[in-house]
Amino acid sequence: MQAIKSHFRNEAEKHAIKEKGFADFNQVNPDYYEPIDDFRGVRVSAGLGLENEEQYESTYVMVESSWFQRTGNKSKYCAMFTVKGESMEPTLKDGEEIIVDRSKRELLEGKIFVLNHSGSMLVKKVQFTYNGVELISDNPAYRPLKLNFEEANNLIVIGQVVRGYRDF
């Protein structure tokens, strides 16, 4: 993936969904909703990883302000991605829209992160080992991706998953 650019497009291009607490950018009261970057066009693999070849410019999606107040997350650090693949099922389903807090970049045991590993975008649970880090799939049909310390240090941590169809 070359880059993810984050800037406003014109008002007509700002879009969102009305389900799951998200709303159309142009039809909401700003007192009740806050914008976050919409990177649903960036493919985040719950499997072996996906490369995103083209440059992606974000739009915005509106998320209810009460969720930010309840969880302590800040909208300016959050972005929405879509999960591709079934390796994180039952926790994250194929096609599920997730919110990632890009300020949370320190890997934590048992937490789910969006990561760039050698150019491939992944969504995986983190487990520390004596030899490095394992990126774990919740679906037992998928084996962990084992990284030594050097490989783990080369991971680009996009952020921690803080919301899918439920809060994390």
N, C-alpha and C. Protein backbone atom coordinates (compact mmCIF):
# COMPACT_ATOMS: atom_id res chain seq x y z
N MET A 1 0.84 -1.16 0.00
CA MET A 1 0.00 0.00 0.00
C MET A 1 0.88 1.23 0.00
N GLN A 2 0.65 2.14 -0.91
CA GLN A 2 1.48 3.34 -1.00
C GLN A 2 1.25 4.29 0.16
N ALA A 3 0.01 4.64 0.40
CA ALA A 3 -0.26 5.60 1.47
C ALA A 3 -1.75 5.65 1.74
N ILE A 4 -2.08 6.15 2.91
CA ILE A 4 -3.46 6.46 3.23
C ILE A 4 -3.49 7.95 3.50
N LYS A 5 -4.16 8.69 2.64
CA LYS A 5 -4.25 10.14 2.83
C LYS A 5 -5.55 10.43 3.55
N SER A 6 -5.49 11.40 4.44
CA SER A 6 -6.66 11.76 5.22
C SER A 6 -6.95 13.24 5.03
N HIS A 7 -7.94 13.55 4.23
CA HIS A 7 -8.36 14.94 4.08
C HIS A 7 -9.81 14.98 3.64
N PHE A 8 -10.46 16.11 3.85
CA PHE A 8 -11.87 16.24 3.50
C PHE A 8 -12.06 16.30 2.00
N ARG A 9 -13.08 15.61 1.55
CA ARG A 9 -13.59 15.80 0.20
C ARG A 9 -14.75 16.77 0.32
N ASN A 10 -15.42 17.07 -0.78
CA ASN A 10 -16.53 18.00 -0.67
C ASN A 10 -17.69 17.35 0.08
N GLU A 11 -18.62 18.19 0.54
CA GLU A 11 -19.71 17.71 1.39
C GLU A 11 -20.54 16.61 0.72
N ALA A 12 -20.71 16.67 -0.59
CA ALA A 12 -21.53 15.68 -1.28
C ALA A 12 -20.90 14.29 -1.25
N GLU A 13 -19.57 14.22 -1.09
CA GLU A 13 -18.90 12.92 -1.09
C GLU A 13 -18.82 12.29 0.29
N LYS A 14 -19.15 13.04 1.34
CA LYS A 14 -19.09 12.49 2.69
C LYS A 14 -20.31 11.59 2.87
N HIS A 15 -20.06 10.33 3.14
CA HIS A 15 -21.17 9.39 3.24
C HIS A 15 -21.00 8.49 4.45
N ALA A 16 -22.06 7.78 4.75
CA ALA A 16 -22.00 6.84 5.87
C ALA A 16 -23.21 5.94 5.81
N ILE A 17 -23.30 5.04 6.74
CA ILE A 17 -24.47 4.18 6.83
C ILE A 17 -25.29 4.58 8.04
N LYS A 18 -26.57 4.27 8.01
CA LYS A 18 -27.46 4.67 9.08
C LYS A 18 -27.60 3.59 10.15
N GLU A 19 -27.15 2.39 9.86
CA GLU A 19 -27.28 1.29 10.80
C GLU A 19 -26.12 1.30 11.79
N LYS A 20 -26.27 0.57 12.87
CA LYS A 20 -25.21 0.35 13.86
C LYS A 20 -24.66 1.64 14.45
N GLY A 21 -25.49 2.69 14.53
CA GLY A 21 -25.03 3.92 15.16
C GLY A 21 -24.27 4.86 14.26
N PHE A 22 -24.21 4.57 12.97
CA PHE A 22 -23.55 5.45 12.02
C PHE A 22 -24.64 6.18 11.25
N ALA A 23 -24.33 7.35 10.72
CA ALA A 23 -25.37 8.13 10.08
C ALA A 23 -24.84 8.88 8.87
N ASP A 24 -25.76 9.31 8.00
CA ASP A 24 -25.41 10.09 6.82
C ASP A 24 -24.84 11.43 7.27
N PHE A 25 -23.67 11.78 6.73
CA PHE A 25 -22.94 12.98 7.13
C PHE A 25 -23.80 14.23 7.02
N ASN A 26 -24.60 14.33 5.96
CA ASN A 26 -25.36 15.55 5.69
C ASN A 26 -26.70 15.60 6.41
N GLN A 27 -27.09 14.54 7.11
CA GLN A 27 -28.41 14.49 7.71
C GLN A 27 -28.36 14.32 9.21
N VAL A 28 -27.29 14.75 9.85
CA VAL A 28 -27.20 14.54 11.29
C VAL A 28 -26.97 15.86 12.01
N ASN A 29 -27.38 15.87 13.25
CA ASN A 29 -27.11 16.99 14.13
C ASN A 29 -25.70 16.80 14.68
N PRO A 30 -24.78 17.74 14.43
CA PRO A 30 -23.41 17.57 14.89
C PRO A 30 -23.27 17.48 16.41
N ASP A 31 -24.34 17.82 17.14
CA ASP A 31 -24.30 17.66 18.59
C ASP A 31 -24.38 16.20 19.00
N TYR A 32 -24.85 15.33 18.10
CA TYR A 32 -25.05 13.92 18.43
C TYR A 32 -24.10 12.98 17.70
N TYR A 33 -23.40 13.47 16.69
CA TYR A 33 -22.51 12.62 15.89
C TYR A 33 -21.17 13.31 15.67
N GLU A 34 -20.12 12.50 15.51
CA GLU A 34 -18.78 13.02 15.22
C GLU A 34 -18.20 12.27 14.02
N PRO A 35 -17.43 12.98 13.17
CA PRO A 35 -16.86 12.32 12.00
C PRO A 35 -15.59 11.54 12.35
N ILE A 36 -15.42 10.40 11.68
CA ILE A 36 -14.15 9.66 11.73
C ILE A 36 -13.76 9.32 10.30
N ASP A 37 -12.47 9.05 10.08
CA ASP A 37 -12.01 8.67 8.75
C ASP A 37 -12.66 7.37 8.31
N ASP A 38 -13.08 7.33 7.07
CA ASP A 38 -13.72 6.15 6.49
C ASP A 38 -12.74 5.47 5.55
N PHE A 39 -12.08 4.41 6.03
CA PHE A 39 -11.13 3.64 5.23
C PHE A 39 -11.71 2.27 4.87
N ARG A 40 -13.03 2.21 4.70
CA ARG A 40 -13.63 0.91 4.35
C ARG A 40 -13.18 0.43 2.99
N GLY A 41 -12.62 1.31 2.17
CA GLY A 41 -12.07 0.91 0.88
C GLY A 41 -10.70 0.26 0.98
N VAL A 42 -10.05 0.38 2.14
CA VAL A 42 -8.76 -0.27 2.37
C VAL A 42 -9.05 -1.69 2.84
N ARG A 43 -8.48 -2.67 2.17
CA ARG A 43 -8.77 -4.06 2.51
C ARG A 43 -7.92 -4.50 3.70
N VAL A 44 -8.59 -4.93 4.77
CA VAL A 44 -7.94 -5.41 5.99
C VAL A 44 -8.28 -6.88 6.13
N SER A 45 -7.28 -7.73 6.00
CA SER A 45 -7.52 -9.17 5.93
C SER A 45 -7.57 -9.81 7.31
N ALA A 46 -8.59 -10.63 7.49
CA ALA A 46 -8.65 -11.50 8.66
C ALA A 46 -8.03 -12.84 8.30
N GLY A 47 -7.41 -12.95 7.15
CA GLY A 47 -6.76 -14.18 6.72
C GLY A 47 -5.26 -14.01 6.68
N LEU A 48 -4.68 -14.25 5.51
CA LEU A 48 -3.22 -14.23 5.37
C LEU A 48 -2.67 -12.86 5.01
N GLY A 49 -3.52 -11.88 4.79
CA GLY A 49 -3.05 -10.54 4.47
C GLY A 49 -3.45 -10.14 3.07
N LEU A 50 -3.70 -8.85 2.89
CA LEU A 50 -4.06 -8.30 1.59
C LEU A 50 -3.19 -7.09 1.32
N GLU A 51 -2.71 -6.99 0.09
CA GLU A 51 -1.96 -5.81 -0.31
C GLU A 51 -2.90 -4.85 -0.99
N ASN A 52 -2.77 -3.58 -0.67
CA ASN A 52 -3.55 -2.52 -1.28
C ASN A 52 -2.62 -1.74 -2.18
N GLU A 53 -2.79 -1.91 -3.48
CA GLU A 53 -1.84 -1.35 -4.43
C GLU A 53 -2.06 0.13 -4.71
N GLU A 54 -3.31 0.57 -4.73
CA GLU A 54 -3.53 1.95 -5.09
C GLU A 54 -3.56 2.85 -3.85
N GLN A 55 -3.33 4.12 -4.09
CA GLN A 55 -3.39 5.11 -3.03
C GLN A 55 -4.85 5.30 -2.67
N TYR A 56 -5.15 5.50 -1.40
CA TYR A 56 -6.53 5.63 -0.96
C TYR A 56 -6.71 6.95 -0.24
N GLU A 57 -7.74 7.68 -0.63
CA GLU A 57 -8.08 8.93 0.04
C GLU A 57 -9.34 8.69 0.84
N SER A 58 -9.32 9.09 2.09
CA SER A 58 -10.46 8.81 2.95
C SER A 58 -11.60 9.79 2.74
N THR A 59 -12.77 9.32 3.08
CA THR A 59 -13.93 10.16 3.26
C THR A 59 -14.25 10.06 4.75
N TYR A 60 -15.44 10.44 5.13
CA TYR A 60 -15.77 10.42 6.55
C TYR A 60 -17.09 9.71 6.77
N VAL A 61 -17.22 9.14 7.95
CA VAL A 61 -18.45 8.51 8.39
C VAL A 61 -18.76 9.09 9.77
N MET A 62 -20.04 9.23 10.06
CA MET A 62 -20.44 9.82 11.34
C MET A 62 -20.77 8.71 12.34
N VAL A 63 -20.27 8.87 13.55
CA VAL A 63 -20.50 7.92 14.64
C VAL A 63 -21.10 8.69 15.81
N GLU A 64 -22.03 8.07 16.52
CA GLU A 64 -22.73 8.76 17.59
C GLU A 64 -21.76 9.24 18.68
N SER A 65 -21.93 10.48 19.10
CA SER A 65 -21.07 11.09 20.13
C SER A 65 -21.16 10.36 21.45
N SER A 66 -22.32 9.81 21.76
CA SER A 66 -22.48 9.11 23.04
C SER A 66 -21.52 7.92 23.16
N TRP A 67 -21.20 7.27 22.03
CA TRP A 67 -20.25 6.16 22.08
C TRP A 67 -18.87 6.66 22.49
N PHE A 68 -18.43 7.79 21.93
CA PHE A 68 -17.13 8.35 22.30
C PHE A 68 -17.12 8.75 23.77
N GLN A 69 -18.21 9.35 24.24
CA GLN A 69 -18.28 9.74 25.65
C GLN A 69 -18.23 8.52 26.57
N ARG A 70 -18.94 7.47 26.19
CA ARG A 70 -19.02 6.26 27.02
C ARG A 70 -17.69 5.51 27.06
N THR A 71 -16.97 5.46 25.94
CA THR A 71 -15.75 4.64 25.86
C THR A 71 -14.47 5.41 26.12
N GLY A 72 -14.51 6.73 26.01
CA GLY A 72 -13.30 7.53 26.18
C GLY A 72 -12.45 7.62 24.92
N ASN A 73 -12.87 6.98 23.84
CA ASN A 73 -12.14 7.11 22.57
C ASN A 73 -12.36 8.50 21.99
N LYS A 74 -11.40 8.97 21.22
CA LYS A 74 -11.48 10.29 20.59
C LYS A 74 -11.68 10.13 19.09
N SER A 75 -12.67 10.83 18.55
CA SER A 75 -13.00 10.68 17.12
C SER A 75 -11.83 11.03 16.22
N LYS A 76 -10.99 11.98 16.61
CA LYS A 76 -9.88 12.39 15.74
C LYS A 76 -8.86 11.29 15.53
N TYR A 77 -8.84 10.27 16.40
CA TYR A 77 -7.89 9.16 16.26
C TYR A 77 -8.52 7.92 15.63
N CYS A 78 -9.83 7.92 15.45
CA CYS A 78 -10.52 6.71 15.01
C CYS A 78 -10.73 6.69 13.50
N ALA A 79 -10.80 5.48 12.97
CA ALA A 79 -11.07 5.26 11.55
C ALA A 79 -11.85 3.97 11.40
N MET A 80 -12.64 3.89 10.35
CA MET A 80 -13.43 2.70 10.08
C MET A 80 -12.81 1.90 8.94
N PHE A 81 -12.71 0.59 9.15
CA PHE A 81 -12.21 -0.36 8.15
C PHE A 81 -13.24 -1.48 8.02
N THR A 82 -13.13 -2.28 6.97
CA THR A 82 -13.99 -3.45 6.79
C THR A 82 -13.13 -4.70 6.81
N VAL A 83 -13.56 -5.69 7.60
CA VAL A 83 -12.85 -6.96 7.71
C VAL A 83 -13.12 -7.80 6.46
N LYS A 84 -12.08 -8.39 5.91
CA LYS A 84 -12.20 -9.31 4.77
C LYS A 84 -11.68 -10.67 5.21
N GLY A 85 -12.49 -11.70 5.09
CA GLY A 85 -12.06 -13.04 5.44
C GLY A 85 -12.68 -13.54 6.73
N GLU A 86 -12.47 -14.82 7.00
CA GLU A 86 -13.15 -15.48 8.12
C GLU A 86 -12.22 -15.94 9.23
N SER A 87 -10.95 -15.59 9.18
CA SER A 87 -10.02 -16.12 10.18
C SER A 87 -10.25 -15.56 11.58
N MET A 88 -10.92 -14.43 11.70
CA MET A 88 -11.17 -13.87 13.03
C MET A 88 -12.57 -14.20 13.55
N GLU A 89 -13.31 -15.05 12.82
CA GLU A 89 -14.63 -15.47 13.31
C GLU A 89 -14.44 -16.42 14.48
N PRO A 90 -15.28 -16.38 15.47
CA PRO A 90 -16.56 -15.67 15.54
C PRO A 90 -16.46 -14.23 16.05
N THR A 91 -15.28 -13.79 16.45
CA THR A 91 -15.15 -12.44 17.02
C THR A 91 -15.43 -11.36 16.00
N LEU A 92 -14.79 -11.43 14.85
CA LEU A 92 -15.01 -10.48 13.75
C LEU A 92 -15.43 -11.27 12.52
N LYS A 93 -16.50 -10.85 11.90
CA LYS A 93 -17.03 -11.58 10.75
C LYS A 93 -16.61 -10.92 9.44
N ASP A 94 -16.58 -11.73 8.38
CA ASP A 94 -16.28 -11.21 7.05
C ASP A 94 -17.28 -10.12 6.70
N GLY A 95 -16.80 -8.96 6.29
CA GLY A 95 -17.67 -7.84 5.95
C GLY A 95 -18.00 -6.93 7.12
N GLU A 96 -17.58 -7.29 8.32
CA GLU A 96 -17.88 -6.47 9.49
C GLU A 96 -17.10 -5.16 9.45
N GLU A 97 -17.79 -4.08 9.78
CA GLU A 97 -17.14 -2.78 9.85
C GLU A 97 -16.60 -2.58 11.26
N ILE A 98 -15.33 -2.22 11.35
CA ILE A 98 -14.68 -2.06 12.65
C ILE A 98 -14.16 -0.63 12.79
N ILE A 99 -14.11 -0.18 14.03
CA ILE A 99 -13.50 1.11 14.34
C ILE A 99 -12.16 0.84 14.99
N VAL A 100 -11.13 1.50 14.47
CA VAL A 100 -9.76 1.32 14.94
C VAL A 100 -9.28 2.64 15.53
N ASP A 101 -8.75 2.58 16.76
CA ASP A 101 -8.18 3.77 17.39
C ASP A 101 -6.70 3.82 17.04
N ARG A 102 -6.35 4.78 16.17
CA ARG A 102 -4.97 4.87 15.66
C ARG A 102 -4.01 5.49 16.67
N SER A 103 -4.50 5.95 17.81
CA SER A 103 -3.60 6.44 18.86
C SER A 103 -3.10 5.28 19.72
N LYS A 104 -3.76 4.14 19.64
CA LYS A 104 -3.39 2.96 20.44
C LYS A 104 -2.52 2.05 19.58
N ARG A 105 -1.21 2.30 19.61
CA ARG A 105 -0.28 1.58 18.75
C ARG A 105 0.67 0.67 19.52
N GLU A 106 0.57 0.65 20.82
CA GLU A 106 1.40 -0.26 21.60
C GLU A 106 0.69 -1.61 21.67
N LEU A 107 1.36 -2.66 21.18
CA LEU A 107 0.74 -3.98 21.17
C LEU A 107 0.46 -4.44 22.60
N LEU A 108 -0.75 -4.94 22.82
CA LEU A 108 -1.17 -5.43 24.12
C LEU A 108 -1.64 -6.87 23.98
N GLU A 109 -1.24 -7.70 24.91
CA GLU A 109 -1.61 -9.12 24.93
C GLU A 109 -3.12 -9.28 24.88
N GLY A 110 -3.59 -10.11 23.95
CA GLY A 110 -5.00 -10.45 23.86
C GLY A 110 -5.87 -9.43 23.15
N LYS A 111 -5.33 -8.30 22.77
CA LYS A 111 -6.11 -7.27 22.07
C LYS A 111 -5.99 -7.47 20.57
N ILE A 112 -6.96 -6.94 19.82
CA ILE A 112 -6.99 -7.07 18.37
C ILE A 112 -6.51 -5.77 17.74
N PHE A 113 -5.60 -5.91 16.76
CA PHE A 113 -5.01 -4.75 16.10
C PHE A 113 -5.10 -4.89 14.59
N VAL A 114 -5.12 -3.74 13.91
CA VAL A 114 -4.91 -3.70 12.46
C VAL A 114 -3.43 -3.40 12.28
N LEU A 115 -2.76 -4.26 11.49
CA LEU A 115 -1.31 -4.22 11.33
C LEU A 115 -0.93 -4.28 9.86
N ASN A 116 0.20 -3.68 9.54
CA ASN A 116 0.79 -3.84 8.21
C ASN A 116 2.03 -4.70 8.41
N HIS A 117 2.00 -5.90 7.84
CA HIS A 117 3.12 -6.83 7.93
C HIS A 117 3.67 -7.05 6.53
N SER A 118 4.82 -6.48 6.25
CA SER A 118 5.49 -6.61 4.94
C SER A 118 4.58 -6.20 3.79
N GLY A 119 3.81 -5.13 3.98
CA GLY A 119 2.94 -4.62 2.93
C GLY A 119 1.54 -5.19 2.92
N SER A 120 1.28 -6.19 3.75
CA SER A 120 -0.06 -6.79 3.83
C SER A 120 -0.78 -6.28 5.06
N MET A 121 -2.04 -5.90 4.87
CA MET A 121 -2.86 -5.42 5.98
C MET A 121 -3.57 -6.58 6.64
N LEU A 122 -3.44 -6.67 7.97
CA LEU A 122 -4.02 -7.77 8.74
C LEU A 122 -4.84 -7.22 9.90
N VAL A 123 -5.81 -8.00 10.35
CA VAL A 123 -6.48 -7.73 11.61
C VAL A 123 -6.34 -9.02 12.43
N LYS A 124 -5.61 -8.93 13.56
CA LYS A 124 -5.25 -10.12 14.34
C LYS A 124 -5.18 -9.81 15.82
N LYS A 125 -5.34 -10.85 16.61
CA LYS A 125 -5.14 -10.77 18.05
C LYS A 125 -3.66 -10.98 18.33
N VAL A 126 -3.14 -10.30 19.35
CA VAL A 126 -1.71 -10.35 19.68
C VAL A 126 -1.46 -11.27 20.87
N GLN A 127 -0.44 -12.10 20.73
CA GLN A 127 0.02 -12.94 21.84
C GLN A 127 1.54 -12.89 21.88
N PHE A 128 2.09 -12.57 23.04
CA PHE A 128 3.55 -12.51 23.20
C PHE A 128 4.08 -13.89 23.54
N THR A 129 5.26 -14.21 23.01
CA THR A 129 5.93 -15.48 23.30
C THR A 129 7.37 -15.19 23.72
N TYR A 130 8.08 -16.22 24.14
CA TYR A 130 9.49 -16.05 24.50
C TYR A 130 10.33 -15.67 23.28
N ASN A 131 9.88 -16.06 22.10
CA ASN A 131 10.65 -15.82 20.88
C ASN A 131 10.21 -14.60 20.08
N GLY A 132 9.12 -13.96 20.49
CA GLY A 132 8.62 -12.82 19.74
C GLY A 132 7.13 -12.60 19.95
N VAL A 133 6.40 -12.56 18.85
CA VAL A 133 4.97 -12.28 18.87
C VAL A 133 4.26 -13.25 17.94
N GLU A 134 3.07 -13.69 18.36
CA GLU A 134 2.21 -14.47 17.47
C GLU A 134 0.98 -13.63 17.17
N LEU A 135 0.61 -13.59 15.90
CA LEU A 135 -0.61 -12.94 15.47
C LEU A 135 -1.65 -14.04 15.31
N ILE A 136 -2.65 -13.99 16.16
CA ILE A 136 -3.59 -15.09 16.34
C ILE A 136 -4.90 -14.83 15.61
N SER A 137 -5.42 -15.86 14.97
CA SER A 137 -6.77 -15.86 14.41
C SER A 137 -7.69 -16.53 15.42
N ASP A 138 -8.90 -16.02 15.58
CA ASP A 138 -9.84 -16.66 16.50
C ASP A 138 -10.45 -17.93 15.93
N ASN A 139 -10.46 -18.05 14.62
CA ASN A 139 -10.96 -19.25 13.95
C ASN A 139 -9.88 -20.32 14.04
N PRO A 140 -10.16 -21.46 14.70
CA PRO A 140 -9.13 -22.49 14.88
C PRO A 140 -8.64 -23.13 13.59
N ALA A 141 -9.31 -22.89 12.48
CA ALA A 141 -8.86 -23.44 11.19
C ALA A 141 -7.62 -22.71 10.67
N TYR A 142 -7.27 -21.58 11.27
CA TYR A 142 -6.13 -20.78 10.84
C TYR A 142 -5.03 -20.83 11.88
N ARG A 143 -3.82 -21.09 11.41
CA ARG A 143 -2.66 -21.16 12.30
C ARG A 143 -2.13 -19.76 12.63
N PRO A 144 -1.51 -19.60 13.80
CA PRO A 144 -0.92 -18.30 14.15
C PRO A 144 0.22 -17.94 13.21
N LEU A 145 0.41 -16.66 13.02
CA LEU A 145 1.56 -16.14 12.29
C LEU A 145 2.62 -15.82 13.34
N LYS A 146 3.72 -16.59 13.33
CA LYS A 146 4.76 -16.44 14.34
C LYS A 146 5.84 -15.50 13.83
N LEU A 147 6.12 -14.47 14.62
CA LEU A 147 7.13 -13.48 14.27
C LEU A 147 8.22 -13.46 15.34
N ASN A 148 9.48 -13.47 14.92
CA ASN A 148 10.55 -13.29 15.90
C ASN A 148 10.60 -11.81 16.26
N PHE A 149 11.48 -11.45 17.20
CA PHE A 149 11.53 -10.06 17.67
C PHE A 149 11.84 -9.08 16.54
N GLU A 150 12.75 -9.43 15.65
CA GLU A 150 13.11 -8.54 14.54
C GLU A 150 11.91 -8.33 13.62
N GLU A 151 11.21 -9.40 13.28
CA GLU A 151 10.02 -9.29 12.42
C GLU A 151 8.93 -8.47 13.12
N ALA A 152 8.75 -8.71 14.42
CA ALA A 152 7.73 -7.98 15.18
C ALA A 152 8.05 -6.49 15.22
N ASN A 153 9.33 -6.15 15.32
CA ASN A 153 9.72 -4.74 15.33
C ASN A 153 9.47 -4.06 14.00
N ASN A 154 9.34 -4.82 12.93
CA ASN A 154 9.07 -4.27 11.61
C ASN A 154 7.58 -4.13 11.31
N LEU A 155 6.72 -4.60 12.22
CA LEU A 155 5.28 -4.42 12.04
C LEU A 155 4.95 -2.93 12.09
N ILE A 156 4.04 -2.53 11.25
CA ILE A 156 3.49 -1.17 11.34
C ILE A 156 2.12 -1.32 11.99
N VAL A 157 1.99 -0.80 13.20
CA VAL A 157 0.73 -0.90 13.93
C VAL A 157 -0.16 0.27 13.50
N ILE A 158 -1.28 -0.05 12.86
CA ILE A 158 -2.22 0.98 12.44
C ILE A 158 -3.04 1.45 13.64
N GLY A 159 -3.47 0.51 14.47
CA GLY A 159 -4.22 0.85 15.67
C GLY A 159 -4.96 -0.35 16.22
N GLN A 160 -5.55 -0.13 17.39
CA GLN A 160 -6.29 -1.18 18.09
C GLN A 160 -7.76 -1.14 17.70
N VAL A 161 -8.34 -2.31 17.48
CA VAL A 161 -9.77 -2.42 17.20
C VAL A 161 -10.53 -2.13 18.49
N VAL A 162 -11.41 -1.14 18.45
CA VAL A 162 -12.16 -0.76 19.64
C VAL A 162 -13.66 -0.98 19.48
N ARG A 163 -14.09 -1.25 18.24
CA ARG A 163 -15.52 -1.49 18.03
C ARG A 163 -15.72 -2.25 16.74
N GLY A 164 -16.62 -3.22 16.81
CA GLY A 164 -17.11 -3.92 15.64
C GLY A 164 -18.62 -3.93 15.80
N TYR A 165 -19.21 -5.10 15.74
CA TYR A 165 -20.63 -5.20 16.04
C TYR A 165 -20.86 -5.11 17.54
N ARG A 166 -19.74 -5.04 18.30
CA ARG A 166 -19.78 -4.82 19.75
C ARG A 166 -18.53 -4.02 20.11
N ASP A 167 -18.49 -3.48 21.32
CA ASP A 167 -17.29 -2.77 21.78
C ASP A 167 -16.25 -3.77 22.25
N PHE A 168 -14.97 -3.42 22.11
CA PHE A 168 -13.87 -4.26 22.56
C PHE A 168 -13.15 -3.58 23.71
